[in-house]
Amino acid sequence: MNYNIVVIISIVICAIISMLISYYGVLLLLDESSGLFKMAQLIVAIVSMTTFYAPIKHILLKYMNVDESEGESEE
């Protein structure tokens, strides 16, 4: 499998996880009609995206047996 496809798959998985965490995590603290709801949701989504992206990519690279240098050599 191509390195770029693994990166795209990890971004999609990470975005879905971040969307769920940000919505339900902020919903525990704020009401959905609150003015700060979307701002807090955006901040939590950014933090969770940056937190989960690298481990998910690393796991997928190991599972799919893709070498990281493979993606760099194509450019």
Protein backbone atom coordinates (compact mmCIF):
# COMPACT_ATOMS: atom_id res chain seq x y z
CA MET A 1 0.00 0.00 0.00
CA ASN A 2 1.21 3.48 -0.81
CA TYR A 3 2.46 5.78 1.96
CA ASN A 4 0.20 8.63 0.81
CA ILE A 5 -2.91 6.46 1.05
CA VAL A 6 -1.98 5.47 4.62
CA VAL A 7 -1.62 9.15 5.51
CA ILE A 8 -5.04 9.96 4.04
CA ILE A 9 -6.65 7.04 5.89
CA SER A 10 -5.09 8.14 9.18
CA ILE A 11 -6.32 11.72 8.66
CA VAL A 12 -9.87 10.50 8.03
CA ILE A 13 -9.85 8.22 11.09
CA CYS A 14 -8.38 11.00 13.22
CA ALA A 15 -10.96 13.52 11.97
CA ILE A 16 -13.86 11.23 12.83
CA ILE A 17 -12.48 10.56 16.31
CA SER A 18 -11.82 14.26 16.88
CA MET A 19 -15.29 15.25 15.70
CA LEU A 20 -16.93 12.84 18.14
CA ILE A 21 -14.68 13.78 21.04
CA SER A 22 -15.08 17.50 20.46
CA TYR A 23 -18.87 17.40 20.16
CA TYR A 24 -19.63 15.14 23.10
CA GLY A 25 -16.81 16.45 25.28
CA VAL A 26 -17.94 20.06 24.94
CA LEU A 27 -21.58 19.02 25.26
CA LEU A 28 -20.77 17.77 28.76
CA LEU A 29 -19.54 21.21 29.77
CA LEU A 30 -21.63 23.66 27.73
CA ASP A 31 -25.15 23.81 26.40
CA GLU A 32 -25.47 23.51 22.63
CA SER A 33 -27.18 26.91 22.44
CA SER A 34 -24.28 28.57 24.25
CA GLY A 35 -22.25 31.13 22.33
CA LEU A 36 -18.98 29.48 23.33
CA PHE A 37 -20.03 26.01 22.17
CA LYS A 38 -18.58 26.20 18.64
CA MET A 39 -15.41 27.95 19.82
CA ALA A 40 -14.75 25.32 22.49
CA GLN A 41 -15.60 22.56 20.02
CA LEU A 42 -13.05 23.93 17.54
CA ILE A 43 -10.32 24.14 20.17
CA VAL A 44 -10.98 20.59 21.40
CA ALA A 45 -11.04 19.29 17.81
CA ILE A 46 -7.68 20.89 17.00
CA VAL A 47 -6.08 19.56 20.17
CA SER A 48 -7.41 16.05 19.65
CA MET A 49 -6.41 16.04 15.95
CA THR A 50 -2.83 16.91 16.81
CA THR A 51 -2.80 14.39 19.66
CA PHE A 52 -4.18 11.37 17.81
CA TYR A 53 -2.72 11.80 14.31
CA ALA A 54 0.83 10.58 14.92
CA PRO A 55 -0.05 7.42 16.89
CA ILE A 56 -2.75 6.41 14.40
CA LYS A 57 -0.37 6.94 11.47
CA HIS A 58 2.36 4.97 13.21
CA ILE A 59 0.01 2.05 13.93
CA LEU A 60 -1.25 2.00 10.34
CA LEU A 61 2.28 2.12 8.93
CA LYS A 62 3.30 -0.85 11.05
CA TYR A 63 0.11 -2.78 10.30
CA MET A 64 0.29 -2.23 6.54
CA ASN A 65 4.08 -2.74 6.34
CA VAL A 66 4.75 0.56 4.59
CA ASP A 67 8.18 2.16 4.77
CA GLU A 68 8.15 5.91 5.54
CA SER A 69 11.00 6.55 3.11
CA GLU A 70 8.77 5.17 0.33
CA GLY A 71 6.63 8.31 0.43
CA GLU A 72 9.63 10.63 0.41
CA SER A 73 11.35 8.95 -2.55
CA GLU A 74 8.35 9.45 -4.86
CA GLU A 75 8.52 13.23 -4.65
